[in-house]
PDB file of all heavy atoms in Angstrom:
ATOM      1  N   LEU A   1       4.183  19.990   1.134  1.00  0.00           N
ATOM      2  CA  LEU A   1       3.599  20.750   0.033  1.00  0.00           C
ATOM      3  C   LEU A   1       4.542  20.647  -1.150  1.00  0.00           C
ATOM      4  O   LEU A   1       5.755  20.834  -0.995  1.00  0.00           O
ATOM      5  CB  LEU A   1       3.402  22.208   0.422  1.00  0.00           C
ATOM      6  CG  LEU A   1       2.846  23.134  -0.669  1.00  0.00           C
ATOM      7  CD1 LEU A   1       1.397  22.795  -0.976  1.00  0.00           C
ATOM      8  CD2 LEU A   1       2.969  24.598  -0.249  1.00  0.00           C
ATOM      9  N   ARG A   2       4.028  20.337  -2.325  1.00  0.00           N
ATOM     10  CA  ARG A   2       4.890  20.217  -3.503  1.00  0.00           C
ATOM     11  C   ARG A   2       4.143  20.643  -4.757  1.00  0.00           C
ATOM     12  O   ARG A   2       2.915  20.619  -4.817  1.00  0.00           O
ATOM     13  CB  ARG A   2       5.403  18.779  -3.658  1.00  0.00           C
ATOM     14  CG  ARG A   2       4.314  17.736  -3.764  1.00  0.00           C
ATOM     15  CD  ARG A   2       4.890  16.333  -3.885  1.00  0.00           C
ATOM     16  NE  ARG A   2       3.857  15.319  -3.758  1.00  0.00           N
ATOM     17  CZ  ARG A   2       3.081  14.900  -4.756  1.00  0.00           C
ATOM     18  NH1 ARG A   2       3.234  15.408  -5.986  1.00  0.00           N
ATOM     19  NH2 ARG A   2       2.156  13.968  -4.554  1.00  0.00           N
ATOM     20  N   ALA A   3       4.909  21.015  -5.770  1.00  0.00           N
ATOM     21  CA  ALA A   3       4.355  21.375  -7.072  1.00  0.00           C
ATOM     22  C   ALA A   3       5.436  21.169  -8.120  1.00  0.00           C
ATOM     23  O   ALA A   3       6.637  21.169  -7.812  1.00  0.00           O
ATOM     24  CB  ALA A   3       3.868  22.822  -7.087  1.00  0.00           C
ATOM     25  N   ALA A   4       5.021  20.971  -9.364  1.00  0.00           N
ATOM     26  CA  ALA A   4       5.973  20.678 -10.425  1.00  0.00           C
ATOM     27  C   ALA A   4       5.568  21.367 -11.724  1.00  0.00           C
ATOM     28  O   ALA A   4       4.400  21.691 -11.945  1.00  0.00           O
ATOM     29  CB  ALA A   4       6.068  19.159 -10.656  1.00  0.00           C
ATOM     30  N   VAL A   5       6.551  21.569 -12.568  1.00  0.00           N
ATOM     31  CA  VAL A   5       6.344  22.046 -13.939  1.00  0.00           C
ATOM     32  C   VAL A   5       6.575  20.865 -14.864  1.00  0.00           C
ATOM     33  O   VAL A   5       7.548  20.118 -14.704  1.00  0.00           O
ATOM     34  CB  VAL A   5       7.307  23.195 -14.270  1.00  0.00           C
ATOM     35  CG1 VAL A   5       7.175  23.601 -15.732  1.00  0.00           C
ATOM     36  CG2 VAL A   5       7.036  24.396 -13.377  1.00  0.00           C
ATOM     37  N   GLU A   6       5.697  20.676 -15.838  1.00  0.00           N
ATOM     38  CA  GLU A   6       5.788  19.546 -16.766  1.00  0.00           C
ATOM     39  C   GLU A   6       6.004  20.026 -18.201  1.00  0.00           C
ATOM     40  O   GLU A   6       5.472  21.064 -18.602  1.00  0.00           O
ATOM     41  CB  GLU A   6       4.513  18.707 -16.721  1.00  0.00           C
ATOM     42  CG  GLU A   6       4.277  17.995 -15.414  1.00  0.00           C
ATOM     43  CD  GLU A   6       3.042  17.102 -15.463  1.00  0.00           C
ATOM     44  OE1 GLU A   6       2.356  17.097 -16.507  1.00  0.00           O
ATOM     45  OE2 GLU A   6       2.769  16.417 -14.461  1.00  0.00           O
ATOM     46  N   TYR A   7       6.759  19.224 -18.944  1.00  0.00           N
ATOM     47  CA  TYR A   7       6.895  19.433 -20.384  1.00  0.00           C
ATOM     48  C   TYR A   7       6.306  18.233 -21.098  1.00  0.00           C
ATOM     49  O   TYR A   7       6.682  17.092 -20.836  1.00  0.00           O
ATOM     50  CB  TYR A   7       8.360  19.608 -20.790  1.00  0.00           C
ATOM     51  CG  TYR A   7       8.546  19.678 -22.291  1.00  0.00           C
ATOM     52  CD1 TYR A   7       8.303  20.857 -22.987  1.00  0.00           C
ATOM     53  CD2 TYR A   7       8.929  18.549 -23.019  1.00  0.00           C
ATOM     54  CE1 TYR A   7       8.444  20.921 -24.361  1.00  0.00           C
ATOM     55  CE2 TYR A   7       9.071  18.605 -24.394  1.00  0.00           C
ATOM     56  CZ  TYR A   7       8.833  19.796 -25.064  1.00  0.00           C
ATOM     57  OH  TYR A   7       8.968  19.849 -26.431  1.00  0.00           O
ATOM     58  N   ASP A   8       5.365  18.485 -21.996  1.00  0.00           N
ATOM     59  CA  ASP A   8       4.701  17.434 -22.768  1.00  0.00           C
ATOM     60  C   ASP A   8       5.246  17.458 -24.189  1.00  0.00           C
ATOM     61  O   ASP A   8       5.033  18.424 -24.932  1.00  0.00           O
ATOM     62  CB  ASP A   8       3.188  17.677 -22.766  1.00  0.00           C
ATOM     63  CG  ASP A   8       2.410  16.517 -23.371  1.00  0.00           C
ATOM     64  OD1 ASP A   8       2.956  15.836 -24.271  1.00  0.00           O
ATOM     65  OD2 ASP A   8       1.265  16.289 -22.950  1.00  0.00           O
ATOM     66  N   GLY A   9       5.955  16.382 -24.567  1.00  0.00           N
ATOM     67  CA  GLY A   9       6.548  16.327 -25.891  1.00  0.00           C
ATOM     68  C   GLY A   9       5.529  16.288 -27.006  1.00  0.00           C
ATOM     69  O   GLY A   9       5.798  16.758 -28.117  1.00  0.00           O
ATOM     70  N   ALA A  10       4.340  15.738 -26.754  1.00  0.00           N
ATOM     71  CA  ALA A  10       3.302  15.684 -27.788  1.00  0.00           C
ATOM     72  C   ALA A  10       2.768  17.076 -28.102  1.00  0.00           C
ATOM     73  O   ALA A  10       2.542  17.423 -29.257  1.00  0.00           O
ATOM     74  CB  ALA A  10       2.169  14.766 -27.344  1.00  0.00           C
ATOM     75  N   GLU A  11       2.576  17.880 -27.071  1.00  0.00           N
ATOM     76  CA  GLU A  11       2.068  19.233 -27.265  1.00  0.00           C
ATOM     77  C   GLU A  11       3.178  20.265 -27.408  1.00  0.00           C
ATOM     78  O   GLU A  11       2.920  21.423 -27.763  1.00  0.00           O
ATOM     79  CB  GLU A  11       1.178  19.623 -26.081  1.00  0.00           C
ATOM     80  CG  GLU A  11      -0.043  18.744 -25.932  1.00  0.00           C
ATOM     81  CD  GLU A  11      -0.918  19.181 -24.767  1.00  0.00           C
ATOM     82  OE1 GLU A  11      -0.579  20.194 -24.118  1.00  0.00           O
ATOM     83  OE2 GLU A  11      -1.938  18.522 -24.532  1.00  0.00           O
ATOM     84  N   ARG A  12       4.421  19.852 -27.112  1.00  0.00           N
ATOM     85  CA  ARG A  12       5.575  20.739 -27.160  1.00  0.00           C
ATOM     86  C   ARG A  12       5.341  21.996 -26.337  1.00  0.00           C
ATOM     87  O   ARG A  12       5.555  23.127 -26.786  1.00  0.00           O
ATOM     88  CB  ARG A  12       5.921  21.105 -28.615  1.00  0.00           C
ATOM     89  CG  ARG A  12       6.330  19.897 -29.461  1.00  0.00           C
ATOM     90  CD  ARG A  12       6.752  20.298 -30.846  1.00  0.00           C
ATOM     91  NE  ARG A  12       7.169  19.132 -31.620  1.00  0.00           N
ATOM     92  CZ  ARG A  12       7.599  19.185 -32.886  1.00  0.00           C
ATOM     93  NH1 ARG A  12       7.667  20.351 -33.503  1.00  0.00           N
ATOM     94  NH2 ARG A  12       7.943  18.079 -33.513  1.00  0.00           N
ATOM     95  N   SER A  13       4.889  21.779 -25.127  1.00  0.00           N
ATOM     96  CA  SER A  13       4.590  22.900 -24.252  1.00  0.00           C
ATOM     97  C   SER A  13       4.896  22.523 -22.811  1.00  0.00           C
ATOM     98  O   SER A  13       4.892  21.341 -22.449  1.00  0.00           O
ATOM     99  CB  SER A  13       3.120  23.313 -24.375  1.00  0.00           C
ATOM    100  OG  SER A  13       2.276  22.256 -23.955  1.00  0.00           O
ATOM    101  N   ALA A  14       5.158  23.549 -22.001  1.00  0.00           N
ATOM    102  CA  ALA A  14       5.405  23.352 -20.572  1.00  0.00           C
ATOM    103  C   ALA A  14       4.374  24.139 -19.781  1.00  0.00           C
ATOM    104  O   ALA A  14       3.957  25.229 -20.189  1.00  0.00           O
ATOM    105  CB  ALA A  14       6.817  23.804 -20.208  1.00  0.00           C
ATOM    106  N   ALA A  15       3.963  23.604 -18.651  1.00  0.00           N
ATOM    107  CA  ALA A  15       2.974  24.272 -17.807  1.00  0.00           C
ATOM    108  C   ALA A  15       3.043  23.656 -16.415  1.00  0.00           C
ATOM    109  O   ALA A  15       3.747  22.667 -16.190  1.00  0.00           O
ATOM    110  CB  ALA A  15       1.572  24.122 -18.389  1.00  0.00           C
ATOM    111  N   LEU A  16       2.307  24.248 -15.496  1.00  0.00           N
ATOM    112  CA  LEU A  16       2.239  23.684 -14.158  1.00  0.00           C
ATOM    113  C   LEU A  16       1.672  22.275 -14.232  1.00  0.00           C
ATOM    114  O   LEU A  16       0.661  22.035 -14.888  1.00  0.00           O
ATOM    115  CB  LEU A  16       1.357  24.544 -13.255  1.00  0.00           C
ATOM    116  CG  LEU A  16       1.285  24.074 -11.808  1.00  0.00           C
ATOM    117  CD1 LEU A  16       2.563  24.422 -11.062  1.00  0.00           C
ATOM    118  CD2 LEU A  16       0.084  24.676 -11.108  1.00  0.00           C
ATOM    119  N   GLY A  17       2.335  21.333 -13.567  1.00  0.00           N
ATOM    120  CA  GLY A  17       1.888  19.940 -13.572  1.00  0.00           C
ATOM    121  C   GLY A  17       1.221  19.580 -12.265  1.00  0.00           C
ATOM    122  O   GLY A  17       0.341  20.281 -11.782  1.00  0.00           O
ATOM    123  N   GLU A  18       1.692  18.507 -11.646  1.00  0.00           N
ATOM    124  CA  GLU A  18       1.047  18.032 -10.423  1.00  0.00           C
ATOM    125  C   GLU A  18       1.353  18.951  -9.248  1.00  0.00           C
ATOM    126  O   GLU A  18       2.379  19.632  -9.205  1.00  0.00           O
ATOM    127  CB  GLU A  18       1.507  16.607 -10.111  1.00  0.00           C
ATOM    128  CG  GLU A  18       2.974  16.503  -9.724  1.00  0.00           C
ATOM    129  CD  GLU A  18       3.389  15.086  -9.388  1.00  0.00           C
ATOM    130  OE1 GLU A  18       2.644  14.157  -9.721  1.00  0.00           O
ATOM    131  OE2 GLU A  18       4.467  14.922  -8.784  1.00  0.00           O
ATOM    132  N   TYR A  19       0.439  18.959  -8.290  1.00  0.00           N
ATOM    133  CA  TYR A  19       0.610  19.724  -7.061  1.00  0.00           C
ATOM    134  C   TYR A  19      -0.107  18.954  -5.964  1.00  0.00           C
ATOM    135  O   TYR A  19      -1.078  18.223  -6.216  1.00  0.00           O
ATOM    136  CB  TYR A  19       0.031  21.136  -7.199  1.00  0.00           C
ATOM    137  CG  TYR A  19      -1.361  21.159  -7.780  1.00  0.00           C
ATOM    138  CD1 TYR A  19      -2.490  21.118  -6.962  1.00  0.00           C
ATOM    139  CD2 TYR A  19      -1.553  21.199  -9.159  1.00  0.00           C
ATOM    140  CE1 TYR A  19      -3.766  21.113  -7.497  1.00  0.00           C
ATOM    141  CE2 TYR A  19      -2.825  21.198  -9.706  1.00  0.00           C
ATOM    142  CZ  TYR A  19      -3.930  21.159  -8.868  1.00  0.00           C
ATOM    143  OH  TYR A  19      -5.190  21.142  -9.409  1.00  0.00           O
ATOM    144  N   ALA A  20       0.356  19.096  -4.732  1.00  0.00           N
ATOM    145  CA  ALA A  20      -0.241  18.293  -3.657  1.00  0.00           C
ATOM    146  C   ALA A  20       0.023  18.921  -2.299  1.00  0.00           C
ATOM    147  O   ALA A  20       1.039  19.598  -2.082  1.00  0.00           O
ATOM    148  CB  ALA A  20       0.321  16.878  -3.680  1.00  0.00           C
ATOM    149  N   LEU A  21      -0.899  18.677  -1.391  1.00  0.00           N
ATOM    150  CA  LEU A  21      -0.753  18.990   0.026  1.00  0.00           C
ATOM    151  C   LEU A  21      -0.991  17.684   0.774  1.00  0.00           C
ATOM    152  O   LEU A  21      -2.039  17.054   0.607  1.00  0.00           O
ATOM    153  CB  LEU A  21      -1.756  20.052   0.457  1.00  0.00           C
ATOM    154  CG  LEU A  21      -1.710  20.464   1.936  1.00  0.00           C
ATOM    155  CD1 LEU A  21      -0.372  21.119   2.272  1.00  0.00           C
ATOM    156  CD2 LEU A  21      -2.859  21.412   2.261  1.00  0.00           C
ATOM    157  N   GLU A  22      -0.009  17.261   1.610  1.00  0.00           N
ATOM    158  CA  GLU A  22      -0.039  15.939   2.212  1.00  0.00           C
ATOM    159  C   GLU A  22       0.117  16.012   3.733  1.00  0.00           C
ATOM    160  O   GLU A  22       0.811  16.887   4.258  1.00  0.00           O
ATOM    161  CB  GLU A  22       1.093  15.080   1.641  1.00  0.00           C
ATOM    162  CG  GLU A  22       1.082  14.991   0.117  1.00  0.00           C
ATOM    163  CD  GLU A  22       2.319  14.283  -0.424  1.00  0.00           C
ATOM    164  OE1 GLU A  22       3.162  13.842   0.398  1.00  0.00           O
ATOM    165  OE2 GLU A  22       2.446  14.174  -1.650  1.00  0.00           O
ATOM    166  N   TYR A  23      -0.509  15.051   4.408  1.00  0.00           N
ATOM    167  CA  TYR A  23      -0.411  14.929   5.860  1.00  0.00           C
ATOM    168  C   TYR A  23      -0.027  13.497   6.206  1.00  0.00           C
ATOM    169  O   TYR A  23      -0.608  12.539   5.682  1.00  0.00           O
ATOM    170  CB  TYR A  23      -1.746  15.281   6.517  1.00  0.00           C
ATOM    171  CG  TYR A  23      -1.809  14.972   7.997  1.00  0.00           C
ATOM    172  CD1 TYR A  23      -1.187  15.804   8.917  1.00  0.00           C
ATOM    173  CD2 TYR A  23      -2.483  13.843   8.471  1.00  0.00           C
ATOM    174  CE1 TYR A  23      -1.239  15.526  10.285  1.00  0.00           C
ATOM    175  CE2 TYR A  23      -2.544  13.569   9.838  1.00  0.00           C
ATOM    176  CZ  TYR A  23      -1.922  14.404  10.734  1.00  0.00           C
ATOM    177  OH  TYR A  23      -1.966  14.130  12.075  1.00  0.00           O
ATOM    178  N   LEU A  24       0.944  13.335   7.101  1.00  0.00           N
ATOM    179  CA  LEU A  24       1.423  12.020   7.523  1.00  0.00           C
ATOM    180  C   LEU A  24       1.506  11.988   9.038  1.00  0.00           C
ATOM    181  O   LEU A  24       2.007  12.921   9.672  1.00  0.00           O
ATOM    182  CB  LEU A  24       2.805  11.738   6.917  1.00  0.00           C
ATOM    183  CG  LEU A  24       3.426  10.368   7.205  1.00  0.00           C
ATOM    184  CD1 LEU A  24       2.651   9.265   6.495  1.00  0.00           C
ATOM    185  CD2 LEU A  24       4.893  10.354   6.784  1.00  0.00           C
ATOM    186  N   LYS A  25       1.016  10.893   9.633  1.00  0.00           N
ATOM    187  CA  LYS A  25       1.045  10.764  11.086  1.00  0.00           C
ATOM    188  C   LYS A  25       1.371   9.328  11.481  1.00  0.00           C
ATOM    189  O   LYS A  25       0.737   8.382  11.000  1.00  0.00           O
ATOM    190  CB  LYS A  25      -0.318  11.152  11.678  1.00  0.00           C
ATOM    191  CG  LYS A  25      -0.421  10.966  13.185  1.00  0.00           C
ATOM    192  CD  LYS A  25       0.526  11.880  13.940  1.00  0.00           C
ATOM    193  CE  LYS A  25       0.336  11.752  15.452  1.00  0.00           C
ATOM    194  NZ  LYS A  25       1.309  12.598  16.203  1.00  0.00           N
ATOM    195  N   ARG A  26       2.362   9.175  12.359  1.00  0.00           N
ATOM    196  CA  ARG A  26       2.697   7.853  12.889  1.00  0.00           C
ATOM    197  C   ARG A  26       1.854   7.598  14.131  1.00  0.00           C
ATOM    198  O   ARG A  26       1.963   8.302  15.136  1.00  0.00           O
ATOM    199  CB  ARG A  26       4.185   7.753  13.217  1.00  0.00           C
ATOM    200  CG  ARG A  26       4.591   6.374  13.744  1.00  0.00           C
ATOM    201  CD  ARG A  26       6.090   6.241  13.862  1.00  0.00           C
ATOM    202  NE  ARG A  26       6.748   6.320  12.566  1.00  0.00           N
ATOM    203  CZ  ARG A  26       6.836   5.311  11.700  1.00  0.00           C
ATOM    204  NH1 ARG A  26       6.282   4.132  12.009  1.00  0.00           N
ATOM    205  NH2 ARG A  26       7.444   5.467  10.550  1.00  0.00           N
ATOM    206  N   ILE A  27       1.013   6.578  14.060  1.00  0.00           N
ATOM    207  CA  ILE A  27       0.148   6.217  15.181  1.00  0.00           C
ATOM    208  C   ILE A  27       0.877   5.324  16.170  1.00  0.00           C
ATOM    209  O   ILE A  27       0.675   5.424  17.385  1.00  0.00           O
ATOM    210  CB  ILE A  27      -1.129   5.516  14.666  1.00  0.00           C
ATOM    211  CG1 ILE A  27      -1.848   6.401  13.638  1.00  0.00           C
ATOM    212  CG2 ILE A  27      -2.058   5.177  15.821  1.00  0.00           C
ATOM    213  CD1 ILE A  27      -2.281   7.739  14.176  1.00  0.00           C
ATOM    214  N   SER A  28       1.699   4.428  15.642  1.00  0.00           N
ATOM    215  CA  SER A  28       2.496   3.518  16.463  1.00  0.00           C
ATOM    216  C   SER A  28       3.726   3.133  15.652  1.00  0.00           C
ATOM    217  O   SER A  28       3.839   3.512  14.476  1.00  0.00           O
ATOM    218  CB  SER A  28       1.667   2.271  16.821  1.00  0.00           C
ATOM    219  OG  SER A  28       1.527   1.423  15.696  1.00  0.00           O
TER     220      SER A  28
END
């Protein structure tokens, strides 16, 4: 589980950026 805060220089603002929930499984 991850999440990030981003700063956009064009808008000169910071806000919540990308977020994700991931699953990984080794089959072999």
